[in-house]
């Protein structure tokens, strides 16, 4: 059923999301409960999958829990399962698994003082490598890294000094972004 769910929602995801879904389900869920009918999946089986990952790789474990929960919710909606969702977090697994430590120490990279930016940009222009030019474009446009890395010549309007990022490549995918 997980494969059916992924295939149904795949068109609404990016390729990275699809790959992450497939990989986590194949790596962690299929070996443990892949042959069990979706109607028979139990809380103990879900916990068997999640507990070994919960403290070791918490971000993956939480995403996997959410994916299992969504798959089983869909199975309930389609009538393949008549009992409650054993992977439901709120009011259920939240009482069976310890809260994750969200107070990680985050060490940000120091920002370049703005008074040093002109000299830094001049230094970038001394080297015409794609890395240097990409970094300069990223700084000058203040766009997402992925937007710059995926930019195409067809998006550039040199006469108007305009870069139009198509809506399909924007985060919300609702309208183009003009830079």
N, C-alpha and C. Protein backbone atom coordinates (compact mmCIF):
# COMPACT_ATOMS: atom_id res chain seq x y z
N UNK A 1 0.82 -1.20 0.00
CA UNK A 1 0.00 0.00 0.00
C UNK A 1 0.86 1.26 0.00
N UNK A 2 2.00 1.22 0.66
CA UNK A 2 2.91 2.38 0.69
C UNK A 2 3.33 2.78 -0.71
N UNK A 3 3.62 1.79 -1.55
CA UNK A 3 4.02 2.07 -2.94
C UNK A 3 2.88 2.76 -3.69
N UNK A 4 1.66 2.32 -3.46
CA UNK A 4 0.49 2.95 -4.09
C UNK A 4 0.34 4.38 -3.62
N UNK A 5 0.51 4.59 -2.31
CA UNK A 5 0.41 5.94 -1.75
C UNK A 5 1.46 6.86 -2.39
N UNK A 6 2.69 6.40 -2.45
CA UNK A 6 3.77 7.21 -3.02
C UNK A 6 3.48 7.52 -4.48
N UNK A 7 3.02 6.55 -5.22
CA UNK A 7 2.73 6.76 -6.64
C UNK A 7 1.59 7.76 -6.81
N UNK A 8 0.61 7.74 -5.92
CA UNK A 8 -0.52 8.67 -5.99
C UNK A 8 -0.08 10.10 -5.75
N UNK A 9 0.77 10.32 -4.76
CA UNK A 9 1.16 11.68 -4.38
C UNK A 9 2.44 12.17 -5.05
N UNK A 10 3.15 11.29 -5.71
CA UNK A 10 4.41 11.63 -6.37
C UNK A 10 4.32 12.86 -7.27
N UNK A 11 3.27 13.02 -8.07
CA UNK A 11 3.21 14.20 -8.94
C UNK A 11 3.18 15.54 -8.20
N UNK A 12 2.80 15.53 -6.93
CA UNK A 12 2.73 16.78 -6.17
C UNK A 12 4.03 17.09 -5.43
N UNK A 13 4.97 16.15 -5.47
CA UNK A 13 6.25 16.31 -4.77
C UNK A 13 7.35 16.61 -5.78
N UNK A 14 8.45 17.13 -5.28
CA UNK A 14 9.66 17.24 -6.09
C UNK A 14 10.35 15.89 -6.13
N UNK A 15 11.33 15.75 -7.00
CA UNK A 15 12.03 14.47 -7.12
C UNK A 15 12.78 14.12 -5.83
N UNK A 16 13.26 15.15 -5.13
CA UNK A 16 13.98 14.89 -3.88
C UNK A 16 13.03 14.29 -2.84
N UNK A 17 11.81 14.86 -2.73
CA UNK A 17 10.84 14.33 -1.78
C UNK A 17 10.47 12.89 -2.11
N UNK A 18 10.23 12.64 -3.37
CA UNK A 18 9.86 11.28 -3.78
C UNK A 18 10.98 10.30 -3.41
N UNK A 19 12.20 10.69 -3.70
CA UNK A 19 13.35 9.83 -3.40
C UNK A 19 13.45 9.58 -1.89
N UNK A 20 13.28 10.63 -1.09
CA UNK A 20 13.36 10.47 0.37
C UNK A 20 12.26 9.54 0.88
N UNK A 21 11.05 9.73 0.36
CA UNK A 21 9.94 8.85 0.76
C UNK A 21 10.27 7.40 0.43
N UNK A 22 10.61 7.16 -0.83
CA UNK A 22 10.89 5.79 -1.27
C UNK A 22 12.02 5.17 -0.45
N UNK A 23 13.11 5.92 -0.29
CA UNK A 23 14.28 5.39 0.43
C UNK A 23 13.98 5.04 1.87
N UNK A 24 13.29 5.93 2.59
CA UNK A 24 13.03 5.65 4.01
C UNK A 24 12.05 4.50 4.17
N UNK A 25 11.05 4.44 3.30
CA UNK A 25 10.09 3.33 3.39
C UNK A 25 10.79 2.02 3.06
N UNK A 26 11.59 2.00 1.99
CA UNK A 26 12.29 0.77 1.59
C UNK A 26 13.33 0.34 2.63
N UNK A 27 14.02 1.31 3.22
CA UNK A 27 15.10 0.97 4.15
C UNK A 27 14.58 0.55 5.52
N UNK A 28 13.55 1.22 6.03
CA UNK A 28 13.13 0.97 7.41
C UNK A 28 11.80 0.24 7.55
N UNK A 29 10.84 0.52 6.68
CA UNK A 29 9.50 -0.05 6.85
C UNK A 29 9.37 -1.41 6.17
N UNK A 30 9.76 -1.48 4.91
CA UNK A 30 9.58 -2.72 4.16
C UNK A 30 10.22 -3.94 4.84
N UNK A 31 11.47 -3.85 5.32
CA UNK A 31 12.04 -5.04 5.97
C UNK A 31 11.27 -5.47 7.23
N UNK A 32 10.70 -4.50 7.93
CA UNK A 32 10.03 -4.82 9.20
C UNK A 32 8.58 -5.26 9.01
N UNK A 33 7.82 -4.53 8.19
CA UNK A 33 6.39 -4.83 8.08
C UNK A 33 5.90 -4.83 6.63
N UNK A 34 6.80 -4.90 5.68
CA UNK A 34 6.43 -4.80 4.28
C UNK A 34 5.47 -5.87 3.79
N UNK A 35 5.46 -7.03 4.42
CA UNK A 35 4.59 -8.12 3.97
C UNK A 35 3.29 -8.19 4.78
N UNK A 36 3.13 -7.30 5.74
CA UNK A 36 1.93 -7.30 6.58
C UNK A 36 0.86 -6.45 5.92
N UNK A 37 -0.37 -6.94 5.84
CA UNK A 37 -1.44 -6.11 5.26
C UNK A 37 -1.60 -4.81 6.05
N UNK A 38 -1.89 -3.75 5.34
CA UNK A 38 -2.01 -2.43 5.97
C UNK A 38 -3.06 -2.44 7.08
N UNK A 39 -4.05 -3.31 6.96
CA UNK A 39 -5.11 -3.41 7.97
C UNK A 39 -4.61 -4.00 9.28
N UNK A 40 -3.48 -4.71 9.24
CA UNK A 40 -2.99 -5.41 10.43
C UNK A 40 -1.80 -4.75 11.12
N UNK A 41 -1.34 -3.61 10.61
CA UNK A 41 -0.17 -2.95 11.22
C UNK A 41 -0.54 -2.50 12.63
N UNK A 42 0.33 -2.82 13.60
CA UNK A 42 0.06 -2.52 15.01
C UNK A 42 1.00 -1.44 15.54
N UNK A 43 0.66 -0.94 16.70
CA UNK A 43 1.50 0.05 17.39
C UNK A 43 2.88 -0.55 17.68
N UNK A 44 2.90 -1.80 18.14
CA UNK A 44 4.18 -2.45 18.45
C UNK A 44 5.08 -2.52 17.22
N UNK A 45 4.50 -2.79 16.07
CA UNK A 45 5.29 -2.86 14.84
C UNK A 45 5.83 -1.49 14.45
N UNK A 46 5.01 -0.46 14.60
CA UNK A 46 5.47 0.90 14.30
C UNK A 46 6.60 1.28 15.25
N UNK A 47 6.44 0.96 16.53
CA UNK A 47 7.49 1.27 17.51
C UNK A 47 8.76 0.48 17.25
N UNK A 48 8.64 -0.74 16.76
CA UNK A 48 9.81 -1.55 16.41
C UNK A 48 10.64 -0.86 15.33
N UNK A 49 9.96 -0.17 14.44
CA UNK A 49 10.66 0.57 13.38
C UNK A 49 11.28 1.85 13.93
N UNK A 50 10.51 2.60 14.72
CA UNK A 50 10.94 3.93 15.14
C UNK A 50 11.92 3.97 16.30
N UNK A 51 11.76 3.10 17.28
CA UNK A 51 12.60 3.18 18.49
C UNK A 51 14.10 3.13 18.23
N UNK A 52 14.60 2.24 17.37
CA UNK A 52 16.04 2.22 17.15
C UNK A 52 16.58 3.50 16.51
N UNK A 53 15.71 4.24 15.83
CA UNK A 53 16.14 5.46 15.13
C UNK A 53 15.91 6.72 15.96
N UNK A 54 15.01 6.65 16.93
CA UNK A 54 14.49 7.83 17.58
C UNK A 54 15.56 8.74 18.18
N UNK A 55 16.52 8.17 18.86
CA UNK A 55 17.59 8.99 19.46
C UNK A 55 18.85 9.04 18.59
N UNK A 56 19.03 8.00 17.77
CA UNK A 56 20.24 7.92 16.95
C UNK A 56 20.17 8.88 15.77
N UNK A 57 19.06 8.88 15.04
CA UNK A 57 18.87 9.80 13.91
C UNK A 57 17.45 10.39 14.01
N UNK A 58 17.28 11.31 14.95
CA UNK A 58 15.94 11.80 15.29
C UNK A 58 15.19 12.47 14.13
N UNK A 59 15.87 13.20 13.30
CA UNK A 59 15.17 13.88 12.20
C UNK A 59 14.60 12.86 11.22
N UNK A 60 15.36 11.85 10.90
CA UNK A 60 14.88 10.78 10.02
C UNK A 60 13.72 10.04 10.68
N UNK A 61 13.86 9.75 11.97
CA UNK A 61 12.82 9.01 12.69
C UNK A 61 11.51 9.79 12.69
N UNK A 62 11.58 11.09 12.94
CA UNK A 62 10.36 11.90 12.99
C UNK A 62 9.72 11.98 11.60
N UNK A 63 10.53 12.15 10.58
CA UNK A 63 9.98 12.19 9.21
C UNK A 63 9.36 10.85 8.84
N UNK A 64 10.02 9.76 9.22
CA UNK A 64 9.50 8.43 8.93
C UNK A 64 8.18 8.21 9.66
N UNK A 65 8.10 8.63 10.90
CA UNK A 65 6.85 8.51 11.66
C UNK A 65 5.73 9.24 10.93
N UNK A 66 6.02 10.45 10.47
CA UNK A 66 5.01 11.23 9.75
C UNK A 66 4.58 10.56 8.45
N UNK A 67 5.52 9.95 7.77
CA UNK A 67 5.22 9.26 6.51
C UNK A 67 4.35 8.03 6.77
N UNK A 68 4.71 7.26 7.79
CA UNK A 68 3.89 6.08 8.12
C UNK A 68 2.49 6.53 8.52
N UNK A 69 2.42 7.59 9.30
CA UNK A 69 1.12 8.11 9.74
C UNK A 69 0.26 8.51 8.55
N UNK A 70 0.84 9.23 7.59
CA UNK A 70 0.07 9.66 6.41
C UNK A 70 -0.37 8.47 5.56
N UNK A 71 0.49 7.49 5.41
CA UNK A 71 0.14 6.30 4.63
C UNK A 71 -1.03 5.57 5.30
N UNK A 72 -0.95 5.38 6.61
CA UNK A 72 -2.02 4.67 7.30
C UNK A 72 -3.30 5.49 7.35
N UNK A 73 -3.19 6.81 7.45
CA UNK A 73 -4.39 7.67 7.37
C UNK A 73 -5.10 7.49 6.03
N UNK A 74 -4.31 7.45 4.95
CA UNK A 74 -4.89 7.25 3.62
C UNK A 74 -5.55 5.88 3.53
N UNK A 75 -4.93 4.87 4.12
CA UNK A 75 -5.50 3.52 4.11
C UNK A 75 -6.84 3.51 4.85
N UNK A 76 -6.93 4.25 5.94
CA UNK A 76 -8.19 4.36 6.68
C UNK A 76 -9.24 5.04 5.80
N UNK A 77 -8.84 6.14 5.17
CA UNK A 77 -9.77 6.89 4.31
C UNK A 77 -10.29 6.05 3.15
N UNK A 78 -9.44 5.17 2.63
CA UNK A 78 -9.84 4.33 1.50
C UNK A 78 -10.52 3.04 1.93
N UNK A 79 -10.68 2.84 3.23
CA UNK A 79 -11.39 1.67 3.71
C UNK A 79 -10.55 0.41 3.83
N UNK A 80 -9.22 0.54 3.72
CA UNK A 80 -8.35 -0.63 3.86
C UNK A 80 -8.01 -0.94 5.32
N UNK A 81 -8.39 -0.03 6.18
CA UNK A 81 -8.08 -0.18 7.59
C UNK A 81 -9.26 0.37 8.38
N UNK A 82 -9.73 -0.39 9.37
CA UNK A 82 -10.91 0.07 10.13
C UNK A 82 -10.56 0.53 11.54
N UNK A 83 -9.36 0.23 12.00
CA UNK A 83 -8.97 0.64 13.36
C UNK A 83 -8.18 1.94 13.30
N UNK A 84 -7.93 2.51 14.45
CA UNK A 84 -7.21 3.79 14.50
C UNK A 84 -5.79 3.66 13.98
N UNK A 85 -5.19 4.79 13.71
CA UNK A 85 -3.86 4.83 13.12
C UNK A 85 -2.80 4.58 14.20
N UNK A 86 -2.07 3.46 14.12
CA UNK A 86 -1.06 3.17 15.14
C UNK A 86 0.17 4.07 15.06
N UNK A 87 0.30 4.86 14.00
CA UNK A 87 1.44 5.75 13.86
C UNK A 87 1.07 7.21 14.16
N UNK A 88 -0.16 7.44 14.63
CA UNK A 88 -0.59 8.81 14.93
C UNK A 88 0.29 9.39 16.04
N UNK A 89 0.81 10.58 15.83
CA UNK A 89 1.69 11.21 16.81
C UNK A 89 0.90 11.85 17.94
N UNK A 90 0.02 12.76 17.59
CA UNK A 90 -0.71 13.56 18.59
C UNK A 90 -1.62 12.67 19.43
N UNK A 91 -1.41 12.71 20.72
CA UNK A 91 -2.24 11.96 21.64
C UNK A 91 -2.01 10.46 21.61
N UNK A 92 -0.97 10.02 20.93
CA UNK A 92 -0.73 8.58 20.85
C UNK A 92 0.76 8.28 20.97
N UNK A 93 1.50 8.31 19.86
CA UNK A 93 2.94 8.03 19.94
C UNK A 93 3.68 9.08 20.76
N UNK A 94 3.10 10.28 20.84
CA UNK A 94 3.74 11.33 21.65
C UNK A 94 3.85 10.90 23.11
N UNK A 95 3.02 9.93 23.53
CA UNK A 95 3.08 9.41 24.90
C UNK A 95 3.96 8.15 25.02
N UNK A 96 4.35 7.61 23.86
CA UNK A 96 5.11 6.35 23.87
C UNK A 96 6.58 6.54 23.51
N UNK A 97 6.89 7.66 22.88
CA UNK A 97 8.28 7.95 22.51
C UNK A 97 8.70 9.23 23.22
N UNK A 98 9.94 9.32 23.68
CA UNK A 98 10.37 10.52 24.39
C UNK A 98 10.39 11.73 23.45
N UNK A 99 10.13 12.88 24.01
CA UNK A 99 10.22 14.10 23.22
C UNK A 99 11.64 14.26 22.72
N UNK A 100 11.75 14.73 21.52
CA UNK A 100 13.09 14.94 20.95
C UNK A 100 13.70 16.20 21.53
N UNK A 101 15.00 16.19 21.67
CA UNK A 101 15.72 17.36 22.15
C UNK A 101 15.79 18.37 21.02
N UNK A 102 15.00 19.44 21.14
CA UNK A 102 14.99 20.46 20.08
C UNK A 102 15.90 21.62 20.44
N UNK A 103 16.59 21.52 21.57
CA UNK A 103 17.45 22.61 22.01
C UNK A 103 18.90 22.35 21.62
N UNK A 104 19.09 22.02 20.35
CA UNK A 104 20.44 21.80 19.86
C UNK A 104 21.20 23.11 19.84
N UNK A 105 22.46 23.02 20.08
CA UNK A 105 23.30 24.20 19.97
C UNK A 105 23.59 24.43 18.50
N UNK A 106 23.12 25.54 18.01
CA UNK A 106 23.32 25.87 16.60
C UNK A 106 24.47 26.87 16.51
N UNK A 107 25.45 26.52 15.72
CA UNK A 107 26.58 27.41 15.53
C UNK A 107 26.52 27.95 14.11
N UNK A 108 26.14 29.21 13.99
CA UNK A 108 26.03 29.83 12.69
C UNK A 108 27.42 30.25 12.19
N UNK A 109 27.56 30.28 10.89
CA UNK A 109 28.78 30.82 10.32
C UNK A 109 28.77 32.32 10.55
N UNK A 110 29.90 32.90 10.89
CA UNK A 110 29.90 34.35 11.11
C UNK A 110 29.60 35.08 9.80
N UNK A 111 28.83 36.14 9.90
CA UNK A 111 28.50 36.94 8.72
C UNK A 111 29.66 37.87 8.39
N UNK A 112 29.77 38.19 7.13
CA UNK A 112 30.77 39.15 6.68
C UNK A 112 30.27 40.55 7.04
N UNK A 113 31.06 41.34 7.76
CA UNK A 113 30.61 42.71 8.05
C UNK A 113 30.35 43.46 6.74
N UNK A 114 29.24 44.18 6.68
CA UNK A 114 28.83 44.81 5.42
C UNK A 114 29.88 45.77 4.87
N UNK A 115 30.72 46.36 5.72
CA UNK A 115 31.73 47.29 5.22
C UNK A 115 32.82 46.56 4.42
N UNK A 116 32.91 45.23 4.60
CA UNK A 116 33.90 44.45 3.86
C UNK A 116 33.34 43.86 2.57
N UNK A 117 32.04 44.04 2.33
CA UNK A 117 31.42 43.44 1.16
C UNK A 117 31.98 43.96 -0.16
N UNK A 118 32.19 45.28 -0.35
CA UNK A 118 32.74 45.75 -1.63
C UNK A 118 34.09 45.09 -1.97
N UNK A 119 34.97 44.96 -0.99
CA UNK A 119 36.27 44.34 -1.24
C UNK A 119 36.09 42.85 -1.57
N UNK A 120 35.16 42.20 -0.88
CA UNK A 120 34.90 40.78 -1.14
C UNK A 120 34.36 40.58 -2.55
N UNK A 121 33.44 41.45 -2.97
CA UNK A 121 32.87 41.34 -4.32
C UNK A 121 33.96 41.58 -5.37
N UNK A 122 34.84 42.54 -5.11
CA UNK A 122 35.94 42.80 -6.05
C UNK A 122 36.85 41.58 -6.15
N UNK A 123 37.07 40.93 -5.03
CA UNK A 123 37.90 39.72 -5.02
C UNK A 123 37.22 38.59 -5.81
N UNK A 124 35.90 38.47 -5.68
CA UNK A 124 35.17 37.45 -6.44
C UNK A 124 35.31 37.69 -7.94
N UNK A 125 35.28 38.96 -8.36
CA UNK A 125 35.35 39.28 -9.78
C UNK A 125 36.72 38.99 -10.40
N UNK A 126 37.74 38.83 -9.56
CA UNK A 126 39.08 38.53 -10.07
C UNK A 126 39.17 37.12 -10.63
N UNK A 127 38.27 36.26 -10.22
CA UNK A 127 38.28 34.87 -10.67
C UNK A 127 36.97 34.60 -11.40
N UNK A 128 37.04 34.14 -12.62
CA UNK A 128 35.82 33.93 -13.41
C UNK A 128 35.33 32.49 -13.35
N UNK A 129 35.71 31.74 -12.33
CA UNK A 129 35.23 30.36 -12.22
C UNK A 129 33.72 30.39 -11.95
N UNK A 130 33.07 29.30 -12.29
CA UNK A 130 31.63 29.24 -12.08
C UNK A 130 31.28 29.36 -10.60
N UNK A 131 32.12 28.84 -9.73
CA UNK A 131 31.88 28.94 -8.29
C UNK A 131 31.87 30.39 -7.84
N UNK A 132 32.87 31.16 -8.28
CA UNK A 132 32.95 32.57 -7.89
C UNK A 132 31.79 33.37 -8.46
N UNK A 133 31.45 33.10 -9.72
CA UNK A 133 30.34 33.84 -10.34
C UNK A 133 29.00 33.46 -9.71
N UNK A 134 28.85 32.21 -9.34
CA UNK A 134 27.61 31.77 -8.69
C UNK A 134 27.45 32.43 -7.34
N UNK A 135 28.53 32.49 -6.58
CA UNK A 135 28.47 33.14 -5.28
C UNK A 135 28.16 34.63 -5.43
N UNK A 136 28.75 35.29 -6.41
CA UNK A 136 28.46 36.71 -6.64
C UNK A 136 26.98 36.89 -7.00
N UNK A 137 26.46 36.04 -7.87
CA UNK A 137 25.05 36.15 -8.25
C UNK A 137 24.14 35.92 -7.05
N UNK A 138 24.50 34.97 -6.22
CA UNK A 138 23.72 34.68 -5.02
C UNK A 138 23.67 35.89 -4.10
N UNK A 139 24.82 36.52 -3.91
CA UNK A 139 24.89 37.71 -3.05
C UNK A 139 24.10 38.87 -3.66
N UNK A 140 24.29 39.10 -4.95
CA UNK A 140 23.67 40.25 -5.60
C UNK A 140 22.15 40.12 -5.76
N UNK A 141 21.65 38.91 -5.85
CA UNK A 141 20.21 38.72 -6.06
C UNK A 141 19.46 38.37 -4.78
N UNK A 142 20.18 37.97 -3.74
CA UNK A 142 19.56 37.58 -2.46
C UNK A 142 18.44 36.56 -2.68
N UNK A 143 18.69 35.59 -3.55
CA UNK A 143 17.72 34.53 -3.81
C UNK A 143 18.19 33.25 -3.14
N UNK A 144 17.38 32.22 -3.27
CA UNK A 144 17.74 30.92 -2.72
C UNK A 144 18.90 30.32 -3.52
N UNK A 145 19.73 29.58 -2.83
CA UNK A 145 20.86 28.93 -3.49
C UNK A 145 20.38 28.05 -4.64
N UNK A 146 19.31 27.29 -4.41
CA UNK A 146 18.81 26.40 -5.46
C UNK A 146 18.33 27.19 -6.68
N UNK A 147 17.79 28.40 -6.47
CA UNK A 147 17.35 29.22 -7.61
C UNK A 147 18.55 29.59 -8.48
N UNK A 148 19.64 29.98 -7.85
CA UNK A 148 20.83 30.36 -8.61
C UNK A 148 21.44 29.13 -9.29
N UNK A 149 21.54 28.03 -8.56
CA UNK A 149 22.15 26.83 -9.13
C UNK A 149 21.34 26.25 -10.30
N UNK A 150 20.03 26.46 -10.27
CA UNK A 150 19.17 25.90 -11.32
C UNK A 150 18.77 26.93 -12.37
N UNK A 151 19.35 28.13 -12.30
CA UNK A 151 19.01 29.17 -13.27
C UNK A 151 19.41 28.75 -14.68
N UNK A 152 18.62 29.20 -15.65
CA UNK A 152 18.94 28.91 -17.05
C UNK A 152 19.07 30.23 -17.80
N UNK A 153 19.77 30.20 -18.93
CA UNK A 153 19.94 31.41 -19.73
C UNK A 153 18.59 31.94 -20.21
N UNK A 154 17.65 31.04 -20.47
CA UNK A 154 16.34 31.45 -20.96
C UNK A 154 15.55 32.27 -19.96
N UNK A 155 15.93 32.21 -18.69
CA UNK A 155 15.24 33.00 -17.66
C UNK A 155 15.76 34.43 -17.57
N UNK A 156 16.86 34.71 -18.26
CA UNK A 156 17.50 36.03 -18.18
C UNK A 156 17.01 36.95 -19.31
N UNK A 157 16.63 38.15 -18.92
CA UNK A 157 16.27 39.19 -19.89
C UNK A 157 17.32 40.28 -19.73
N UNK A 158 18.36 40.19 -20.55
CA UNK A 158 19.50 41.10 -20.40
C UNK A 158 19.13 42.53 -20.73
N UNK A 159 18.21 42.75 -21.68
CA UNK A 159 17.82 44.11 -22.08
C UNK A 159 17.19 44.86 -20.91
N UNK A 160 16.46 44.15 -20.08
CA UNK A 160 15.78 44.79 -18.94
C UNK A 160 16.48 44.51 -17.61
N UNK A 161 17.64 43.87 -17.65
CA UNK A 161 18.35 43.47 -16.43
C UNK A 161 17.40 42.75 -15.47
N UNK A 162 16.74 41.74 -16.01
CA UNK A 162 15.69 41.04 -15.27
C UNK A 162 15.90 39.53 -15.36
N UNK A 163 15.72 38.88 -14.23
CA UNK A 163 15.77 37.42 -14.16
C UNK A 163 14.39 36.98 -13.70
N UNK A 164 13.71 36.17 -14.48
CA UNK A 164 12.38 35.70 -14.13
C UNK A 164 12.46 34.21 -13.81
N UNK A 165 12.26 33.91 -12.53
CA UNK A 165 12.26 32.51 -12.09
C UNK A 165 10.84 31.99 -12.28
N UNK A 166 10.66 30.96 -13.10
CA UNK A 166 9.31 30.45 -13.36
C UNK A 166 8.64 29.93 -12.09
N UNK A 167 7.32 30.05 -12.05
CA UNK A 167 6.60 29.64 -10.84
C UNK A 167 6.84 28.18 -10.47
N UNK A 168 7.13 27.33 -11.45
CA UNK A 168 7.38 25.91 -11.16
C UNK A 168 8.62 25.71 -10.30
N UNK A 169 9.52 26.68 -10.32
CA UNK A 169 10.75 26.56 -9.52
C UNK A 169 10.72 27.39 -8.25
N UNK A 170 9.62 28.08 -7.98
CA UNK A 170 9.53 28.86 -6.75
C UNK A 170 9.03 27.97 -5.62
N UNK A 171 9.21 28.42 -4.39
CA UNK A 171 8.83 27.62 -3.24
C UNK A 171 7.32 27.36 -3.22
N UNK A 172 6.52 28.40 -3.42
CA UNK A 172 5.07 28.24 -3.36
C UNK A 172 4.49 27.70 -4.67
N UNK A 173 5.23 27.83 -5.75
CA UNK A 173 4.81 27.37 -7.08
C UNK A 173 3.50 28.03 -7.55
N UNK A 174 3.25 29.27 -7.08
CA UNK A 174 2.01 29.94 -7.46
C UNK A 174 2.22 31.09 -8.44
N UNK A 175 3.41 31.69 -8.41
CA UNK A 175 3.67 32.78 -9.35
C UNK A 175 5.17 32.91 -9.57
N UNK A 176 5.51 33.48 -10.72
CA UNK A 176 6.93 33.66 -11.05
C UNK A 176 7.55 34.68 -10.09
N UNK A 177 8.86 34.61 -9.98
CA UNK A 177 9.60 35.55 -9.12
C UNK A 177 10.50 36.38 -10.00
N UNK A 178 10.32 37.69 -9.94
CA UNK A 178 11.09 38.60 -10.78
C UNK A 178 12.21 39.22 -9.97
N UNK A 179 13.44 39.03 -10.47
CA UNK A 179 14.62 39.52 -9.76
C UNK A 179 15.32 40.54 -10.64
